[in-house]
Amino acid sequence: MAKLMRASLWLKREFEEGSIPDKRTVKRWIENGRLRGKVIDGMSWVYSSERWGVESDISHVVNQLIRES
């Protein structure tokens, strides 16, 4: 099962310094379904399996296949 991580940590992992989008942008991506995650009490959390530039559905299926092998 995928775990949630703070959006700020996910952003640092996925984007280069100086190119990190605003946390409000991540919240909008989650709300629009562009990024798998949750907004809890106004804070954005992203599934740690998410990779920027890879469709959420594909990322999810790849992680399932890895766990099954």
PDB file of N, CA and C in Angstrom:
ATOM      1  N   MET A   1       0.845  -1.178   0.000  1.00  0.00           N
ATOM      2  CA  MET A   1       0.000   0.000   0.000  1.00  0.00           C
ATOM      3  C   MET A   1       0.894   1.246   0.000  1.00  0.00           C
ATOM      4  N   ALA A   2       0.533   2.212  -0.813  1.00  0.00           N
ATOM      5  CA  ALA A   2       1.310   3.443  -0.894  1.00  0.00           C
ATOM      6  C   ALA A   2       1.107   4.282   0.364  1.00  0.00           C
ATOM      7  N   LYS A   3       2.163   4.939   0.763  1.00  0.00           N
ATOM      8  CA  LYS A   3       2.095   5.803   1.946  1.00  0.00           C
ATOM      9  C   LYS A   3       2.017   7.252   1.502  1.00  0.00           C
ATOM     10  N   LEU A   4       1.472   8.068   2.391  1.00  0.00           N
ATOM     11  CA  LEU A   4       1.385   9.503   2.117  1.00  0.00           C
ATOM     12  C   LEU A   4       2.631  10.205   2.654  1.00  0.00           C
ATOM     13  N   MET A   5       3.053  11.242   1.936  1.00  0.00           N
ATOM     14  CA  MET A   5       4.158  12.071   2.404  1.00  0.00           C
ATOM     15  C   MET A   5       3.762  13.528   2.241  1.00  0.00           C
ATOM     16  N   ARG A   6       4.377  14.392   3.030  1.00  0.00           N
ATOM     17  CA  ARG A   6       4.078  15.820   2.921  1.00  0.00           C
ATOM     18  C   ARG A   6       4.373  16.312   1.516  1.00  0.00           C
ATOM     19  N   ALA A   7       3.516  17.175   1.030  1.00  0.00           N
ATOM     20  CA  ALA A   7       3.690  17.714  -0.311  1.00  0.00           C
ATOM     21  C   ALA A   7       5.032  18.437  -0.437  1.00  0.00           C
ATOM     22  N   SER A   8       5.460  19.137   0.618  1.00  0.00           N
ATOM     23  CA  SER A   8       6.729  19.880   0.550  1.00  0.00           C
ATOM     24  C   SER A   8       7.905  18.935   0.335  1.00  0.00           C
ATOM     25  N   LEU A   9       7.891  17.766   0.978  1.00  0.00           N
ATOM     26  CA  LEU A   9       8.967  16.792   0.787  1.00  0.00           C
ATOM     27  C   LEU A   9       8.903  16.160  -0.599  1.00  0.00           C
ATOM     28  N   TRP A  10       7.699  15.889  -1.070  1.00  0.00           N
ATOM     29  CA  TRP A  10       7.522  15.336  -2.410  1.00  0.00           C
ATOM     30  C   TRP A  10       8.039  16.309  -3.461  1.00  0.00           C
ATOM     31  N   LEU A  11       7.723  17.591  -3.280  1.00  0.00           N
ATOM     32  CA  LEU A  11       8.190  18.614  -4.224  1.00  0.00           C
ATOM     33  C   LEU A  11       9.712  18.662  -4.282  1.00  0.00           C
ATOM     34  N   LYS A  12      10.361  18.597  -3.128  1.00  0.00           N
ATOM     35  CA  LYS A  12      11.827  18.616  -3.091  1.00  0.00           C
ATOM     36  C   LYS A  12      12.422  17.387  -3.778  1.00  0.00           C
ATOM     37  N   ARG A  13      11.728  16.264  -3.666  1.00  0.00           N
ATOM     38  CA  ARG A  13      12.204  15.032  -4.292  1.00  0.00           C
ATOM     39  C   ARG A  13      12.051  15.062  -5.805  1.00  0.00           C
ATOM     40  N   GLU A  14      10.951  15.642  -6.285  1.00  0.00           N
ATOM     41  CA  GLU A  14      10.608  15.562  -7.706  1.00  0.00           C
ATOM     42  C   GLU A  14      11.084  16.731  -8.559  1.00  0.00           C
ATOM     43  N   PHE A  15      11.409  17.865  -7.951  1.00  0.00           N
ATOM     44  CA  PHE A  15      11.775  19.052  -8.720  1.00  0.00           C
ATOM     45  C   PHE A  15      13.140  19.580  -8.285  1.00  0.00           C
ATOM     46  N   GLU A  16      13.837  20.179  -9.227  1.00  0.00           N
ATOM     47  CA  GLU A  16      15.133  20.780  -8.947  1.00  0.00           C
ATOM     48  C   GLU A  16      14.959  22.065  -8.129  1.00  0.00           C
ATOM     49  N   GLU A  17      15.952  22.363  -7.323  1.00  0.00           N
ATOM     50  CA  GLU A  17      15.971  23.612  -6.539  1.00  0.00           C
ATOM     51  C   GLU A  17      15.785  24.790  -7.490  1.00  0.00           C
ATOM     52  N   GLY A  18      14.944  25.707  -7.133  1.00  0.00           N
ATOM     53  CA  GLY A  18      14.663  26.870  -7.970  1.00  0.00           C
ATOM     54  C   GLY A  18      13.533  26.647  -8.959  1.00  0.00           C
ATOM     55  N   SER A  19      13.077  25.416  -9.086  1.00  0.00           N
ATOM     56  CA  SER A  19      11.983  25.092 -10.014  1.00  0.00           C
ATOM     57  C   SER A  19      10.798  24.466  -9.292  1.00  0.00           C
ATOM     58  N   ILE A  20      10.815  24.510  -7.982  1.00  0.00           N
ATOM     59  CA  ILE A  20       9.772  23.862  -7.183  1.00  0.00           C
ATOM     60  C   ILE A  20       8.482  24.686  -7.232  1.00  0.00           C
ATOM     61  N   PRO A  21       7.373  24.056  -7.674  1.00  0.00           N
ATOM     62  CA  PRO A  21       6.089  24.767  -7.695  1.00  0.00           C
ATOM     63  C   PRO A  21       5.612  25.092  -6.272  1.00  0.00           C
ATOM     64  N   ASP A  22       4.701  26.010  -6.186  1.00  0.00           N
ATOM     65  CA  ASP A  22       4.092  26.393  -4.917  1.00  0.00           C
ATOM     66  C   ASP A  22       3.231  25.250  -4.387  1.00  0.00           C
ATOM     67  N   LYS A  23       3.143  25.137  -3.058  1.00  0.00           N
ATOM     68  CA  LYS A  23       2.324  24.085  -2.441  1.00  0.00           C
ATOM     69  C   LYS A  23       0.852  24.205  -2.838  1.00  0.00           C
ATOM     70  N   ARG A  24       0.408  25.431  -3.118  1.00  0.00           N
ATOM     71  CA  ARG A  24      -0.984  25.617  -3.551  1.00  0.00           C
ATOM     72  C   ARG A  24      -1.220  24.944  -4.904  1.00  0.00           C
ATOM     73  N   THR A  25      -0.184  24.922  -5.734  1.00  0.00           N
ATOM     74  CA  THR A  25      -0.284  24.257  -7.031  1.00  0.00           C
ATOM     75  C   THR A  25      -0.478  22.763  -6.838  1.00  0.00           C
ATOM     76  N   VAL A  26       0.273  22.163  -5.909  1.00  0.00           N
ATOM     77  CA  VAL A  26       0.132  20.737  -5.620  1.00  0.00           C
ATOM     78  C   VAL A  26      -1.275  20.447  -5.110  1.00  0.00           C
ATOM     79  N   LYS A  27      -1.778  21.299  -4.244  1.00  0.00           N
ATOM     80  CA  LYS A  27      -3.134  21.116  -3.730  1.00  0.00           C
ATOM     81  C   LYS A  27      -4.138  21.118  -4.881  1.00  0.00           C
ATOM     82  N   ARG A  28      -3.972  22.009  -5.818  1.00  0.00           N
ATOM     83  CA  ARG A  28      -4.862  22.079  -6.980  1.00  0.00           C
ATOM     84  C   ARG A  28      -4.725  20.817  -7.836  1.00  0.00           C
ATOM     85  N   TRP A  29      -3.487  20.323  -8.029  1.00  0.00           N
ATOM     86  CA  TRP A  29      -3.277  19.093  -8.791  1.00  0.00           C
ATOM     87  C   TRP A  29      -3.998  17.923  -8.138  1.00  0.00           C
ATOM     88  N   ILE A  30      -3.938  17.845  -6.817  1.00  0.00           N
ATOM     89  CA  ILE A  30      -4.620  16.762  -6.092  1.00  0.00           C
ATOM     90  C   ILE A  30      -6.133  16.892  -6.258  1.00  0.00           C
ATOM     91  N   GLU A  31      -6.647  18.090  -6.058  1.00  0.00           N
ATOM     92  CA  GLU A  31      -8.093  18.313  -6.155  1.00  0.00           C
ATOM     93  C   GLU A  31      -8.619  18.057  -7.562  1.00  0.00           C
ATOM     94  N   ASN A  32      -7.793  18.324  -8.589  1.00  0.00           N
ATOM     95  CA  ASN A  32      -8.207  18.114  -9.978  1.00  0.00           C
ATOM     96  C   ASN A  32      -7.957  16.684 -10.454  1.00  0.00           C
ATOM     97  N   GLY A  33      -7.335  15.854  -9.608  1.00  0.00           N
ATOM     98  CA  GLY A  33      -7.071  14.476  -9.980  1.00  0.00           C
ATOM     99  C   GLY A  33      -5.839  14.284 -10.840  1.00  0.00           C
ATOM    100  N   ARG A  34      -5.040  15.300 -10.977  1.00  0.00           N
ATOM    101  CA  ARG A  34      -3.813  15.209 -11.782  1.00  0.00           C
ATOM    102  C   ARG A  34      -2.691  14.499 -11.025  1.00  0.00           C
ATOM    103  N   LEU A  35      -2.792  14.496  -9.700  1.00  0.00           N
ATOM    104  CA  LEU A  35      -1.788  13.896  -8.833  1.00  0.00           C
ATOM    105  C   LEU A  35      -2.518  13.141  -7.729  1.00  0.00           C
ATOM    106  N   ARG A  36      -2.092  11.905  -7.455  1.00  0.00           N
ATOM    107  CA  ARG A  36      -2.735  11.124  -6.393  1.00  0.00           C
ATOM    108  C   ARG A  36      -2.249  11.589  -5.036  1.00  0.00           C
ATOM    109  N   GLY A  37      -3.185  11.959  -4.218  1.00  0.00           N
ATOM    110  CA  GLY A  37      -2.878  12.417  -2.882  1.00  0.00           C
ATOM    111  C   GLY A  37      -4.157  12.764  -2.153  1.00  0.00           C
ATOM    112  N   LYS A  38      -4.007  13.422  -1.014  1.00  0.00           N
ATOM    113  CA  LYS A  38      -5.171  13.818  -0.210  1.00  0.00           C
ATOM    114  C   LYS A  38      -4.915  15.202   0.369  1.00  0.00           C
ATOM    115  N   VAL A  39      -5.994  15.927   0.555  1.00  0.00           N
ATOM    116  CA  VAL A  39      -5.939  17.200   1.272  1.00  0.00           C
ATOM    117  C   VAL A  39      -6.653  16.939   2.590  1.00  0.00           C
ATOM    118  N   ILE A  40      -5.898  17.030   3.688  1.00  0.00           N
ATOM    119  CA  ILE A  40      -6.430  16.748   5.015  1.00  0.00           C
ATOM    120  C   ILE A  40      -6.261  17.994   5.871  1.00  0.00           C
ATOM    121  N   ASP A  41      -7.375  18.515   6.355  1.00  0.00           N
ATOM    122  CA  ASP A  41      -7.365  19.749   7.160  1.00  0.00           C
ATOM    123  C   ASP A  41      -6.578  20.870   6.479  1.00  0.00           C
ATOM    124  N   GLY A  42      -6.738  20.979   5.167  1.00  0.00           N
ATOM    125  CA  GLY A  42      -6.091  22.043   4.410  1.00  0.00           C
ATOM    126  C   GLY A  42      -4.650  21.765   4.021  1.00  0.00           C
ATOM    127  N   MET A  43      -4.068  20.672   4.521  1.00  0.00           N
ATOM    128  CA  MET A  43      -2.685  20.323   4.179  1.00  0.00           C
ATOM    129  C   MET A  43      -2.675  19.278   3.069  1.00  0.00           C
ATOM    130  N   SER A  44      -1.728  19.417   2.144  1.00  0.00           N
ATOM    131  CA  SER A  44      -1.615  18.496   1.018  1.00  0.00           C
ATOM    132  C   SER A  44      -0.637  17.375   1.329  1.00  0.00           C
ATOM    133  N   TRP A  45      -1.072  16.171   1.021  1.00  0.00           N
ATOM    134  CA  TRP A  45      -0.260  14.965   1.183  1.00  0.00           C
ATOM    135  C   TRP A  45      -0.271  14.230  -0.144  1.00  0.00           C
ATOM    136  N   VAL A  46       0.894  13.735  -0.571  1.00  0.00           N
ATOM    137  CA  VAL A  46       1.025  13.056  -1.858  1.00  0.00           C
ATOM    138  C   VAL A  46       1.445  11.612  -1.596  1.00  0.00           C
ATOM    139  N   TYR A  47       0.899  10.677  -2.367  1.00  0.00           N
ATOM    140  CA  TYR A  47       1.333   9.292  -2.241  1.00  0.00           C
ATOM    141  C   TYR A  47       2.796   9.198  -2.653  1.00  0.00           C
ATOM    142  N   SER A  48       3.603   8.551  -1.829  1.00  0.00           N
ATOM    143  CA  SER A  48       5.042   8.487  -2.056  1.00  0.00           C
ATOM    144  C   SER A  48       5.399   7.781  -3.362  1.00  0.00           C
ATOM    145  N   SER A  49       4.486   6.987  -3.895  1.00  0.00           N
ATOM    146  CA  SER A  49       4.737   6.276  -5.158  1.00  0.00           C
ATOM    147  C   SER A  49       4.593   7.178  -6.382  1.00  0.00           C
ATOM    148  N   GLU A  50       4.055   8.375  -6.198  1.00  0.00           N
ATOM    149  CA  GLU A  50       3.836   9.286  -7.319  1.00  0.00           C
ATOM    150  C   GLU A  50       5.160   9.826  -7.848  1.00  0.00           C
ATOM    151  N   ARG A  51       5.287   9.847  -9.167  1.00  0.00           N
ATOM    152  CA  ARG A  51       6.455  10.411  -9.839  1.00  0.00           C
ATOM    153  C   ARG A  51       5.956  11.459 -10.813  1.00  0.00           C
ATOM    154  N   TRP A  52       6.538  12.636 -10.785  1.00  0.00           N
ATOM    155  CA  TRP A  52       6.098  13.691 -11.679  1.00  0.00           C
ATOM    156  C   TRP A  52       6.478  13.334 -13.102  1.00  0.00           C
ATOM    157  N   GLY A  53       5.539  13.510 -14.023  1.00  0.00           N
ATOM    158  CA  GLY A  53       5.772  13.200 -15.429  1.00  0.00           C
ATOM    159  C   GLY A  53       5.293  11.810 -15.813  1.00  0.00           C
ATOM    160  N   VAL A  54       4.848  11.034 -14.831  1.00  0.00           N
ATOM    161  CA  VAL A  54       4.303   9.698 -15.075  1.00  0.00           C
ATOM    162  C   VAL A  54       2.850   9.726 -14.627  1.00  0.00           C
ATOM    163  N   GLU A  55       1.958   9.298 -15.521  1.00  0.00           N
ATOM    164  CA  GLU A  55       0.542   9.285 -15.179  1.00  0.00           C
ATOM    165  C   GLU A  55       0.310   8.499 -13.885  1.00  0.00           C
ATOM    166  N   SER A  56      -0.570   9.000 -13.037  1.00  0.00           N
ATOM    167  CA  SER A  56      -0.854   8.368 -11.750  1.00  0.00           C
ATOM    168  C   SER A  56      -1.263   6.909 -11.899  1.00  0.00           C
ATOM    169  N   ASP A  57      -2.118   6.620 -12.877  1.00  0.00           N
ATOM    170  CA  ASP A  57      -2.580   5.244 -13.077  1.00  0.00           C
ATOM    171  C   ASP A  57      -1.424   4.321 -13.433  1.00  0.00           C
ATOM    172  N   ILE A  58      -0.519   4.789 -14.281  1.00  0.00           N
ATOM    173  CA  ILE A  58       0.627   3.987 -14.683  1.00  0.00           C
ATOM    174  C   ILE A  58       1.549   3.760 -13.486  1.00  0.00           C
ATOM    175  N   SER A  59       1.819   4.811 -12.746  1.00  0.00           N
ATOM    176  CA  SER A  59       2.670   4.697 -11.563  1.00  0.00           C
ATOM    177  C   SER A  59       2.085   3.698 -10.571  1.00  0.00           C
ATOM    178  N   HIS A  60       0.786   3.753 -10.371  1.00  0.00           N
ATOM    179  CA  HIS A  60       0.109   2.855  -9.431  1.00  0.00           C
ATOM    180  C   HIS A  60       0.236   1.400  -9.893  1.00  0.00           C
ATOM    181  N   VAL A  61       0.005   1.143 -11.184  1.00  0.00           N
ATOM    182  CA  VAL A  61       0.080  -0.223 -11.718  1.00  0.00           C
ATOM    183  C   VAL A  61       1.511  -0.753 -11.638  1.00  0.00           C
ATOM    184  N   VAL A  62       2.496   0.071 -11.966  1.00  0.00           N
ATOM    185  CA  VAL A  62       3.896  -0.354 -11.897  1.00  0.00           C
ATOM    186  C   VAL A  62       4.249  -0.737 -10.467  1.00  0.00           C
ATOM    187  N   ASN A  63       3.837   0.056  -9.500  1.00  0.00           N
ATOM    188  CA  ASN A  63       4.118  -0.259  -8.096  1.00  0.00           C
ATOM    189  C   ASN A  63       3.436  -1.559  -7.669  1.00  0.00           C
ATOM    190  N   GLN A  64       2.226  -1.809  -8.161  1.00  0.00           N
ATOM    191  CA  GLN A  64       1.544  -3.066  -7.851  1.00  0.00           C
ATOM    192  C   GLN A  64       2.323  -4.252  -8.417  1.00  0.00           C
ATOM    193  N   LEU A  65       2.783  -4.117  -9.654  1.00  0.00           N
ATOM    194  CA  LEU A  65       3.546  -5.202 -10.276  1.00  0.00           C
ATOM    195  C   LEU A  65       4.842  -5.467  -9.529  1.00  0.00           C
ATOM    196  N   ILE A  66       5.508  -4.430  -9.073  1.00  0.00           N
ATOM    197  CA  ILE A  66       6.752  -4.587  -8.323  1.00  0.00           C
ATOM    198  C   ILE A  66       6.496  -5.336  -7.022  1.00  0.00           C
ATOM    199  N   ARG A  67       5.416  -4.969  -6.328  1.00  0.00           N
ATOM    200  CA  ARG A  67       5.090  -5.635  -5.066  1.00  0.00           C
ATOM    201  C   ARG A  67       4.737  -7.104  -5.260  1.00  0.00           C
ATOM    202  N   GLU A  68       4.117  -7.439  -6.399  1.00  0.00           N
ATOM    203  CA  GLU A  68       3.689  -8.809  -6.656  1.00  0.00           C
ATOM    204  C   GLU A  68       4.832  -9.720  -7.078  1.00  0.00           C
ATOM    205  N   SER A  69       5.912  -9.159  -7.585  1.00  0.00           N
ATOM    206  CA  SER A  69       7.002 -10.010  -8.074  1.00  0.00           C
ATOM    207  C   SER A  69       7.917 -10.479  -6.977  1.00  0.00           C
TER     208      SER A  69
END
